[in-house]
Amino acid sequence: MKRGALLLLLLVLTGCVYYNGMYNANRLAKRAQKAQAKGRTFEAQSYWAQAEVRADTVIARHPESSWADDAQLIRGEAMVARQDCPTAVPALEAASFSRDSPKVAERALVLLSQCLVQAGDYVAADRAFVTLMASPDTAISRSAQLEHARVLRMLGEYQNALTTLEGMQGPAVDAERATDYANLGELAPAEPLIEQAIAQGDLSLPWVSMIAGVGRVDPGLASRLTSAVIAMTGFPNELRDSLLLADGMRLLPTDPDSGLARLREAGAASPITFASLTARLRIAEYVIGQADTLSQLERAREQLATLSEIGGRISMEALGYLRILDRVRTYTDSITPSAKEGDLATFVLAESIRDSLPAPRIAEELFSTVPTWWPASPYAPKALLALAALEPARAEEFFHTLECVYPASPYLQLVSGVVTPEVLVLEDSMQTYANGGVRVPVQRRARPSNTPQTPAGQRQQDDLK
């Protein structure tokens, strides 16, 4: 056989093998799609696995061919079918740039946008939606337009989202409009759309975002809507408890009784959800925040102890609070004005409560105790600085006390930007004490003669306990 004829034969055979591989990949992909459409998931997965193998072979052997994009699409779609979007993204991105087949590029872009939304990359997904809005296929372009509006809403661009929805109709569009209007505070056009969705039992509306928008303008209306929404048949448990939790937290500052009732309703949910556990933690935090004395913090212990045994993130937070409550109990039983290193114990506990417990009033009382009980303590000026940060309205008063009573304090110099050896020793000593070590001795100033025993407006430590 002549050399030219042999070369031609090899090319034909290679082309046939290549074509057959792609043909089989497409055939198996179509079977998978049909099985998927009929709900035969196991059968569809089997076909997708076979199609993916054929597509992999085509890409490996002919990566620069005109069929490579088709093969990438099949690979990506197979991965999406088995719910492996992260792995599918590179294949779908490659297929979306297809120059040989606009249909392949469009289908890949549709799947890619879904994966990007699932991954929370809304900005990248939106680029795909904007491109798909120009599709000659009306079903694809209209769907992309709605998705683009949703992304704008999730990014907080409510007015742009409404503009994007102009000319569109349907329940899903009305749901988006209702949410956008609500978040813009325009309740007049939002309310009838919301009531319509409730009457239709529409579970697809982004209820959390929508009711949150209403609540920023009218908490009472938001609470009534919450009751109506969670009464809808088939409402998901986690979403129901999330709405109750949000409603409780929204009502708590102005109507504590109603807010706590909502939180208790969420906390009593069965089955238990993350939102219901969060509601129980928020109740404990509210109890802590309302405490006026150290002993009143104990009212939250039982709730926190129960949560600490459940496991997960909520338990970790509850355990953190319990550790501080244990330190408070030890402090209450042992610290008096004559206690050795009582100033350090008080300051360190005050810092712990300030930083780790939602009880700012207790932290303020403890910080104020340091200059009251131990006015000669080198940490009294630091306590006054902490009070200035916690009570901005009285900051000038605290700084005046600092300048008049503690003019030589290294902490006052630190405020001016001067780091002295003395302040470093003091901080090292406090850190050592906080970590349970031996305190580095530091020289105390004599008690200022012009410092009153109990500053006006401050309570005695006995009241605090």
Protein backbone atom coordinates (compact mmCIF):
# COMPACT_ATOMS: atom_id res chain seq x y z
CA MET A 1 0.00 0.00 0.00
CA LYS A 2 1.32 3.39 -0.91
CA ARG A 3 2.35 5.74 1.90
CA GLY A 4 -0.34 8.36 1.08
CA ALA A 5 -3.12 5.81 1.06
CA LEU A 6 -1.91 4.35 4.37
CA LEU A 7 -1.89 7.81 5.97
CA LEU A 8 -5.41 8.48 4.72
CA LEU A 9 -6.60 5.18 6.12
CA LEU A 10 -5.08 5.94 9.54
CA LEU A 11 -6.76 9.33 9.60
CA VAL A 12 -10.12 7.78 8.73
CA LEU A 13 -9.73 5.09 11.40
CA THR A 14 -8.69 7.66 14.02
CA GLY A 15 -11.65 9.84 13.09
CA CYS A 16 -13.99 6.88 13.37
CA VAL A 17 -12.70 5.93 16.79
CA TYR A 18 -12.97 9.56 17.86
CA TYR A 19 -16.48 9.98 16.43
CA ASN A 20 -17.68 6.72 17.95
CA GLY A 21 -16.40 7.78 21.38
CA MET A 22 -18.27 11.06 21.22
CA TYR A 23 -21.34 9.40 19.73
CA ASN A 24 -21.50 6.93 22.61
CA ALA A 25 -20.97 9.70 25.17
CA ASN A 26 -23.88 11.69 23.70
CA ARG A 27 -26.09 8.61 23.47
CA LEU A 28 -25.50 7.71 27.10
CA ALA A 29 -26.01 11.34 28.20
CA LYS A 30 -29.41 11.45 26.45
CA ARG A 31 -30.43 8.22 28.16
CA ALA A 32 -29.36 9.67 31.49
CA GLN A 33 -31.42 12.81 30.87
CA LYS A 34 -34.52 10.77 29.98
CA ALA A 35 -34.16 8.57 33.06
CA GLN A 36 -33.62 11.66 35.20
CA ALA A 37 -36.74 13.33 33.80
CA LYS A 38 -38.79 10.25 34.71
CA GLY A 39 -37.40 10.16 38.24
CA ARG A 40 -35.33 7.02 37.74
CA THR A 41 -32.37 8.39 39.66
CA PHE A 42 -30.33 5.20 40.04
CA GLU A 43 -30.62 4.40 36.32
CA ALA A 44 -29.72 8.00 35.41
CA GLN A 45 -26.62 7.88 37.58
CA SER A 46 -25.46 4.71 35.86
CA TYR A 47 -25.82 6.28 32.41
CA TRP A 48 -24.12 9.48 33.55
CA ALA A 49 -21.14 7.52 34.88
CA GLN A 50 -20.72 5.71 31.56
CA ALA A 51 -21.13 8.93 29.57
CA GLU A 52 -18.50 10.65 31.70
CA VAL A 53 -16.00 7.86 31.06
CA ARG A 54 -16.52 8.19 27.28
CA ALA A 55 -16.22 11.98 27.48
CA ASP A 56 -13.01 11.72 29.51
CA THR A 57 -11.52 9.49 26.81
CA VAL A 58 -12.35 11.99 24.06
CA ILE A 59 -10.79 14.88 26.01
CA ALA A 60 -7.69 12.88 26.86
CA ARG A 61 -7.05 11.76 23.28
CA HIS A 62 -8.31 14.80 21.34
CA PRO A 63 -8.13 17.86 23.65
CA GLU A 64 -7.97 20.36 20.77
CA SER A 65 -10.75 18.88 18.64
CA SER A 66 -14.09 20.50 17.87
CA TRP A 67 -15.78 17.81 20.00
CA ALA A 68 -13.83 18.60 23.17
CA ASP A 69 -16.34 21.24 24.31
CA ASP A 70 -19.23 18.75 23.95
CA ALA A 71 -17.25 16.27 26.01
CA GLN A 72 -16.57 18.86 28.71
CA LEU A 73 -20.29 19.65 28.89
CA ILE A 74 -21.15 15.96 29.35
CA ARG A 75 -18.52 15.67 32.08
CA GLY A 76 -19.85 18.76 33.85
CA GLU A 77 -23.48 17.69 33.57
CA ALA A 78 -22.64 14.23 34.92
CA MET A 79 -20.95 15.82 37.94
CA VAL A 80 -23.90 18.14 38.56
CA ALA A 81 -26.23 15.13 38.38
CA ARG A 82 -24.30 13.43 41.18
CA GLN A 83 -24.39 16.70 43.15
CA ASP A 84 -20.69 17.45 42.77
CA CYS A 85 -20.86 21.06 41.66
CA PRO A 86 -17.38 22.09 42.90
CA THR A 87 -15.75 19.49 40.63
CA ALA A 88 -18.08 20.37 37.75
CA VAL A 89 -17.16 24.06 37.62
CA PRO A 90 -13.87 23.75 35.64
CA ALA A 91 -15.48 21.48 33.02
CA LEU A 92 -18.51 23.74 32.67
CA GLU A 93 -16.33 26.83 32.41
CA ALA A 94 -14.35 25.20 29.58
CA ALA A 95 -17.55 24.25 27.75
CA SER A 96 -19.07 27.71 28.24
CA PHE A 97 -16.36 29.21 26.02
CA SER A 98 -17.20 26.92 23.11
CA ARG A 99 -16.80 28.63 19.72
CA ASP A 100 -17.98 25.67 17.68
CA SER A 101 -21.36 25.20 19.36
CA PRO A 102 -23.36 28.12 20.84
CA LYS A 103 -25.89 25.62 22.23
CA VAL A 104 -23.16 23.79 24.13
CA ALA A 105 -21.83 27.09 25.51
CA GLU A 106 -25.33 28.17 26.59
CA ARG A 107 -26.20 24.87 28.29
CA ALA A 108 -22.84 24.91 30.10
CA LEU A 109 -23.45 28.48 31.24
CA VAL A 110 -26.89 27.56 32.64
CA LEU A 111 -25.41 24.72 34.69
CA LEU A 112 -22.39 26.81 35.70
CA SER A 113 -24.60 29.60 37.03
CA GLN A 114 -26.50 27.09 39.18
CA CYS A 115 -23.26 25.73 40.62
CA LEU A 116 -21.94 29.21 41.36
CA VAL A 117 -25.14 30.14 43.21
CA GLN A 118 -24.86 26.92 45.20
CA ALA A 119 -21.29 27.87 46.11
CA GLY A 120 -22.42 31.34 47.21
CA ASP A 121 -20.42 33.09 44.48
CA TYR A 122 -23.29 35.37 43.46
CA VAL A 123 -21.15 37.90 41.64
CA ALA A 124 -19.71 35.27 39.29
CA ALA A 125 -23.14 33.67 38.89
CA ASP A 126 -24.61 37.03 37.98
CA ARG A 127 -22.13 37.42 35.13
CA ALA A 128 -23.51 34.20 33.71
CA PHE A 129 -27.12 35.38 34.19
CA VAL A 130 -26.45 38.67 32.42
CA THR A 131 -24.96 36.77 29.46
CA LEU A 132 -27.91 34.35 29.37
CA MET A 133 -30.39 37.24 29.35
CA ALA A 134 -29.37 37.78 25.69
CA SER A 135 -30.30 34.20 24.73
CA PRO A 136 -32.70 33.83 21.76
CA ASP A 137 -34.41 31.11 23.81
CA THR A 138 -37.12 33.03 25.70
CA ALA A 139 -37.36 30.44 28.46
CA ILE A 140 -33.64 30.75 29.18
CA SER A 141 -33.49 34.54 28.89
CA ARG A 142 -36.52 35.13 31.14
CA SER A 143 -35.26 32.68 33.74
CA ALA A 144 -31.85 34.41 33.70
CA GLN A 145 -33.55 37.80 34.08
CA LEU A 146 -35.38 36.60 37.19
CA GLU A 147 -32.19 35.10 38.61
CA HIS A 148 -30.32 38.34 37.91
CA ALA A 149 -32.98 40.21 39.91
CA ARG A 150 -32.60 37.72 42.76
CA VAL A 151 -28.86 38.24 42.87
CA LEU A 152 -29.35 42.01 42.94
CA ARG A 153 -31.75 41.55 45.85
CA MET A 154 -29.25 39.36 47.73
CA LEU A 155 -26.61 42.04 47.17
CA GLY A 156 -28.96 44.67 48.62
CA GLU A 157 -29.62 46.44 45.29
CA TYR A 158 -33.39 46.41 45.72
CA GLN A 159 -34.26 49.28 43.36
CA ASN A 160 -32.12 47.80 40.57
CA ALA A 161 -33.81 44.46 41.17
CA LEU A 162 -37.24 46.06 40.72
CA THR A 163 -36.08 47.71 37.51
CA THR A 164 -34.87 44.34 36.21
CA LEU A 165 -38.29 42.78 36.93
CA GLU A 166 -40.19 45.37 34.86
CA GLY A 167 -42.40 43.74 32.26
CA MET A 168 -42.24 40.32 33.93
CA GLN A 169 -45.22 38.51 35.43
CA GLY A 170 -45.91 35.42 37.50
CA PRO A 171 -45.96 34.31 41.17
CA ALA A 172 -42.17 34.06 41.41
CA VAL A 173 -41.81 37.59 40.03
CA ASP A 174 -44.43 38.92 42.47
CA ALA A 175 -42.55 37.25 45.30
CA GLU A 176 -39.34 39.03 44.30
CA ARG A 177 -41.15 42.35 43.97
CA ALA A 178 -42.70 41.93 47.42
CA THR A 179 -39.29 41.32 48.96
CA ASP A 180 -37.67 44.25 47.16
CA TYR A 181 -40.46 46.65 48.15
CA ALA A 182 -40.31 45.41 51.76
CA ASN A 183 -36.57 45.94 52.00
CA LEU A 184 -36.96 49.43 50.55
CA GLY A 185 -39.48 50.15 53.29
CA GLU A 186 -42.30 50.62 50.74
CA LEU A 187 -44.98 48.63 52.55
CA ALA A 188 -47.97 49.90 50.52
CA PRO A 189 -47.05 47.98 47.34
CA ALA A 190 -45.42 45.14 49.31
CA GLU A 191 -48.28 44.19 51.63
CA PRO A 192 -50.87 43.06 49.03
CA LEU A 193 -48.25 40.98 47.23
CA ILE A 194 -47.23 39.36 50.51
CA GLU A 195 -50.84 38.61 51.46
CA GLN A 196 -51.39 37.13 48.01
CA ALA A 197 -48.40 34.84 48.46
CA ILE A 198 -49.66 33.75 51.89
CA ALA A 199 -53.13 33.03 50.48
CA GLN A 200 -51.53 30.90 47.77
CA GLY A 201 -49.36 29.09 50.33
CA ASP A 202 -46.26 30.05 48.39
CA LEU A 203 -43.32 28.46 50.19
CA SER A 204 -40.77 29.66 47.63
CA LEU A 205 -40.86 33.34 48.59
CA PRO A 206 -37.68 34.49 50.42
CA TRP A 207 -39.67 34.94 53.61
CA VAL A 208 -36.79 35.69 55.97
CA SER A 209 -35.51 38.59 53.87
CA MET A 210 -38.97 39.90 53.12
CA ILE A 211 -40.23 39.91 56.72
CA ALA A 212 -36.92 41.39 57.89
CA GLY A 213 -37.50 44.29 55.49
CA VAL A 214 -41.03 44.82 56.81
CA GLY A 215 -39.75 44.61 60.38
CA ARG A 216 -37.35 47.50 59.89
CA VAL A 217 -40.37 49.75 59.22
CA ASP A 218 -43.21 48.09 61.13
CA PRO A 219 -42.25 45.39 63.68
CA GLY A 220 -45.89 44.80 64.55
CA LEU A 221 -46.82 44.02 60.95
CA ALA A 222 -43.75 41.81 60.64
CA SER A 223 -44.87 39.85 63.69
CA ARG A 224 -48.37 39.37 62.30
CA LEU A 225 -46.97 38.24 58.98
CA THR A 226 -44.69 35.81 60.79
CA SER A 227 -47.71 34.18 62.44
CA ALA A 228 -49.52 33.90 59.11
CA VAL A 229 -46.50 32.55 57.23
CA ILE A 230 -45.51 29.82 59.69
CA ALA A 231 -49.13 28.59 59.67
CA MET A 232 -48.85 27.66 55.98
CA THR A 233 -49.05 23.94 55.29
CA GLY A 234 -45.70 22.27 54.65
CA PHE A 235 -43.60 25.12 55.99
CA PRO A 236 -40.05 23.79 56.69
CA ASN A 237 -39.17 23.41 60.39
CA GLU A 238 -35.81 25.20 60.24
CA LEU A 239 -37.30 28.12 58.30
CA ARG A 240 -40.23 28.35 60.71
CA ASP A 241 -37.92 28.51 63.72
CA SER A 242 -35.67 31.02 61.94
CA LEU A 243 -38.65 33.35 61.43
CA LEU A 244 -39.72 32.96 65.07
CA LEU A 245 -36.16 33.64 66.21
CA ALA A 246 -35.90 36.75 64.04
CA ASP A 247 -39.28 38.01 65.24
CA GLY A 248 -38.32 37.49 68.87
CA MET A 249 -35.03 39.35 68.51
CA ARG A 250 -36.81 42.17 66.66
CA LEU A 251 -39.43 42.59 69.42
CA LEU A 252 -37.10 42.15 72.40
CA PRO A 253 -35.79 45.77 72.66
CA THR A 254 -39.23 47.42 72.68
CA ASP A 255 -41.59 44.63 73.84
CA PRO A 256 -39.57 42.16 75.93
CA ASP A 257 -42.55 40.02 76.93
CA SER A 258 -43.63 39.45 73.32
CA GLY A 259 -40.04 38.96 72.21
CA LEU A 260 -39.35 36.34 74.87
CA ALA A 261 -42.63 34.58 74.04
CA ARG A 262 -41.51 34.26 70.42
CA LEU A 263 -38.09 32.98 71.46
CA ARG A 264 -39.67 30.43 73.79
CA GLU A 265 -41.95 29.31 70.96
CA ALA A 266 -38.94 28.75 68.74
CA GLY A 267 -36.95 27.14 71.56
CA ALA A 268 -39.71 24.63 72.28
CA ALA A 269 -39.83 23.44 68.66
CA SER A 270 -39.87 19.74 67.90
CA PRO A 271 -37.89 18.43 66.16
CA ILE A 272 -34.99 20.52 67.44
CA THR A 273 -33.43 22.80 64.82
CA PHE A 274 -30.36 25.01 64.86
CA ALA A 275 -32.66 28.05 65.01
CA SER A 276 -34.54 26.63 68.02
CA LEU A 277 -31.28 26.04 69.90
CA THR A 278 -30.16 29.55 68.99
CA ALA A 279 -33.42 30.93 70.38
CA ARG A 280 -32.78 29.18 73.71
CA LEU A 281 -29.28 30.64 73.83
CA ARG A 282 -30.64 34.12 73.11
CA ILE A 283 -33.03 33.77 76.05
CA ALA A 284 -30.10 32.93 78.31
CA GLU A 285 -28.16 35.90 76.93
CA TYR A 286 -31.14 38.17 77.61
CA VAL A 287 -31.30 36.96 81.22
CA ILE A 288 -27.57 37.67 81.59
CA GLY A 289 -27.95 41.11 80.03
CA GLN A 290 -30.73 42.04 82.45
CA ALA A 291 -28.68 41.14 85.53
CA ASP A 292 -27.92 44.00 87.91
CA THR A 293 -25.85 41.99 90.37
CA LEU A 294 -23.36 39.16 90.15
CA SER A 295 -25.77 36.78 91.87
CA GLN A 296 -28.47 37.44 89.26
CA LEU A 297 -26.19 36.03 86.54
CA GLU A 298 -26.90 32.62 88.07
CA ARG A 299 -30.43 32.76 86.68
CA ALA A 300 -29.06 31.77 83.27
CA ARG A 301 -27.03 28.80 84.51
CA GLU A 302 -29.70 26.09 84.18
CA GLN A 303 -30.53 27.02 80.57
CA LEU A 304 -26.85 27.21 79.64
CA ALA A 305 -26.09 23.89 81.33
CA THR A 306 -28.80 22.17 79.28
CA LEU A 307 -27.50 23.67 76.04
CA SER A 308 -23.92 22.72 76.88
CA GLU A 309 -24.83 19.02 76.74
CA ILE A 310 -26.34 19.03 73.25
CA GLY A 311 -23.16 19.39 71.23
CA GLY A 312 -22.24 21.65 68.33
CA ARG A 313 -21.58 25.37 68.07
CA ILE A 314 -24.39 26.40 70.43
CA SER A 315 -22.99 24.12 73.12
CA MET A 316 -19.54 25.66 72.72
CA GLU A 317 -20.99 29.14 73.24
CA ALA A 318 -22.96 27.96 76.27
CA LEU A 319 -19.83 26.38 77.77
CA GLY A 320 -17.96 29.64 77.28
CA TYR A 321 -20.62 31.51 79.25
CA LEU A 322 -20.64 28.85 81.97
CA ARG A 323 -16.89 29.20 82.45
CA ILE A 324 -17.34 32.91 83.15
CA LEU A 325 -20.23 32.21 85.53
CA ASP A 326 -17.98 29.79 87.43
CA ARG A 327 -15.36 32.52 87.78
CA VAL A 328 -18.05 34.93 89.00
CA ARG A 329 -19.14 32.41 91.63
CA THR A 330 -15.57 31.96 92.88
CA TYR A 331 -15.03 35.73 92.94
CA THR A 332 -18.26 36.38 94.87
CA ASP A 333 -17.26 33.85 97.53
CA SER A 334 -13.71 35.13 98.08
CA ILE A 335 -13.10 38.79 97.19
CA THR A 336 -13.50 41.60 99.74
CA PRO A 337 -11.83 45.03 100.01
CA SER A 338 -9.14 43.46 102.17
CA ALA A 339 -8.49 40.52 99.84
CA LYS A 340 -4.92 40.16 98.62
CA GLU A 341 -4.70 41.08 94.94
CA GLY A 342 -8.41 41.87 95.00
CA ASP A 343 -7.83 44.73 92.55
CA LEU A 344 -6.34 42.36 89.99
CA ALA A 345 -9.04 39.74 90.53
CA THR A 346 -11.74 42.36 90.06
CA PHE A 347 -10.19 43.94 86.98
CA VAL A 348 -9.48 40.60 85.28
CA LEU A 349 -13.04 39.39 85.94
CA ALA A 350 -14.45 42.69 84.64
CA GLU A 351 -12.45 42.25 81.42
CA SER A 352 -13.69 38.69 81.03
CA ILE A 353 -17.31 39.75 81.46
CA ARG A 354 -16.87 42.71 79.12
CA ASP A 355 -15.28 40.57 76.40
CA SER A 356 -17.13 37.26 76.82
CA LEU A 357 -20.49 37.86 78.46
CA PRO A 358 -23.39 40.04 77.26
CA ALA A 359 -23.55 41.86 80.60
CA PRO A 360 -22.08 45.35 80.11
CA ARG A 361 -23.70 46.73 83.27
CA ILE A 362 -21.97 44.13 85.44
CA ALA A 363 -18.65 44.85 83.73
CA GLU A 364 -19.07 48.57 84.42
CA GLU A 365 -19.82 47.93 88.09
CA LEU A 366 -16.74 45.74 88.48
CA PHE A 367 -14.46 48.24 86.75
CA SER A 368 -15.80 51.00 89.01
CA THR A 369 -15.12 48.83 92.06
CA VAL A 370 -11.35 48.93 91.45
CA PRO A 371 -10.82 52.69 92.11
CA THR A 372 -13.52 52.57 94.82
CA TRP A 373 -12.10 49.73 96.93
CA TRP A 374 -8.46 50.00 95.89
CA PRO A 375 -7.86 53.69 95.01
CA ALA A 376 -4.10 53.24 95.41
CA SER A 377 -3.98 50.33 92.98
CA PRO A 378 -1.83 50.98 89.90
CA TYR A 379 -4.72 49.42 87.96
CA ALA A 380 -7.29 51.98 89.13
CA PRO A 381 -6.39 54.33 86.22
CA LYS A 382 -6.75 51.45 83.75
CA ALA A 383 -10.18 50.70 85.20
CA LEU A 384 -11.18 54.34 84.64
CA LEU A 385 -10.04 54.08 81.02
CA ALA A 386 -12.15 50.93 80.60
CA LEU A 387 -15.15 52.77 82.03
CA ALA A 388 -14.62 55.64 79.60
CA ALA A 389 -14.80 53.19 76.71
CA LEU A 390 -17.95 51.51 78.09
CA GLU A 391 -19.70 54.78 78.95
CA PRO A 392 -18.81 57.33 76.23
CA ALA A 393 -21.28 59.85 77.66
CA ARG A 394 -19.19 60.00 80.86
CA ALA A 395 -15.78 59.71 79.22
CA GLU A 396 -14.87 63.33 79.94
CA GLU A 397 -15.67 62.81 83.62
CA PHE A 398 -13.43 59.74 83.81
CA PHE A 399 -10.53 61.47 82.06
CA HIS A 400 -10.86 64.43 84.40
CA THR A 401 -10.52 62.04 87.38
CA LEU A 402 -7.49 60.46 85.75
CA GLU A 403 -5.72 63.76 85.20
CA CYS A 404 -6.52 65.11 88.66
CA VAL A 405 -6.03 62.00 90.81
CA TYR A 406 -3.57 59.90 88.80
CA PRO A 407 -1.45 62.39 86.81
CA ALA A 408 1.68 60.21 87.04
CA SER A 409 0.01 56.95 86.04
CA PRO A 410 1.82 55.14 83.21
CA TYR A 411 -1.63 54.32 81.80
CA LEU A 412 -2.35 58.02 81.37
CA GLN A 413 0.97 58.34 79.55
CA LEU A 414 0.00 55.33 77.42
CA VAL A 415 -3.11 57.18 76.28
CA SER A 416 -0.79 59.92 75.04
CA GLY A 417 1.19 57.34 73.07
CA VAL A 418 4.09 56.95 75.51
CA VAL A 419 4.94 53.33 76.37
CA THR A 420 6.91 53.30 79.61
CA PRO A 421 8.78 50.43 81.30
CA GLU A 422 6.35 50.77 84.20
CA VAL A 423 3.30 50.04 82.06
CA LEU A 424 5.01 47.00 80.55
CA VAL A 425 5.68 45.62 84.04
CA LEU A 426 2.08 46.25 85.04
CA GLU A 427 0.73 44.53 81.94
CA ASP A 428 3.05 41.55 82.38
CA SER A 429 1.96 41.23 85.98
CA MET A 430 -1.71 41.30 85.02
CA GLN A 431 -1.21 38.76 82.23
CA THR A 432 0.63 36.43 84.60
CA TYR A 433 -2.16 36.71 87.15
CA ALA A 434 -4.86 36.16 84.53
CA ASN A 435 -3.08 33.00 83.42
CA GLY A 436 -3.00 31.67 86.98
CA GLY A 437 0.65 32.45 87.66
CA VAL A 438 2.42 34.41 90.37
CA ARG A 439 2.02 38.13 90.18
CA VAL A 440 5.11 40.27 89.59
CA PRO A 441 5.33 42.72 92.50
CA VAL A 442 4.50 46.28 91.53
CA GLN A 443 4.71 49.36 93.73
CA ARG A 444 1.41 50.85 94.77
CA ARG A 445 0.81 54.55 95.06
CA ALA A 446 -0.37 55.93 98.36
CA ARG A 447 -4.10 56.39 98.49
CA PRO A 448 -4.98 59.80 96.97
CA SER A 449 -6.25 62.06 99.73
CA ASN A 450 -8.75 63.73 97.45
CA THR A 451 -10.38 60.50 96.30
CA PRO A 452 -13.73 59.88 97.99
CA GLN A 453 -14.29 56.46 99.57
CA THR A 454 -17.33 55.87 97.40
CA PRO A 455 -17.72 58.09 94.31
CA ALA A 456 -21.14 59.58 93.81
CA GLY A 457 -23.54 57.37 91.91
CA GLN A 458 -21.57 54.14 92.51
CA ARG A 459 -22.95 51.20 94.43
CA GLN A 460 -21.08 49.32 97.10
CA GLN A 461 -19.67 45.90 96.18
CA ASP A 462 -22.08 44.31 98.68
CA ASP A 463 -24.95 45.58 96.50
CA LEU A 464 -23.20 44.24 93.41
CA LYS A 465 -23.00 40.77 94.95
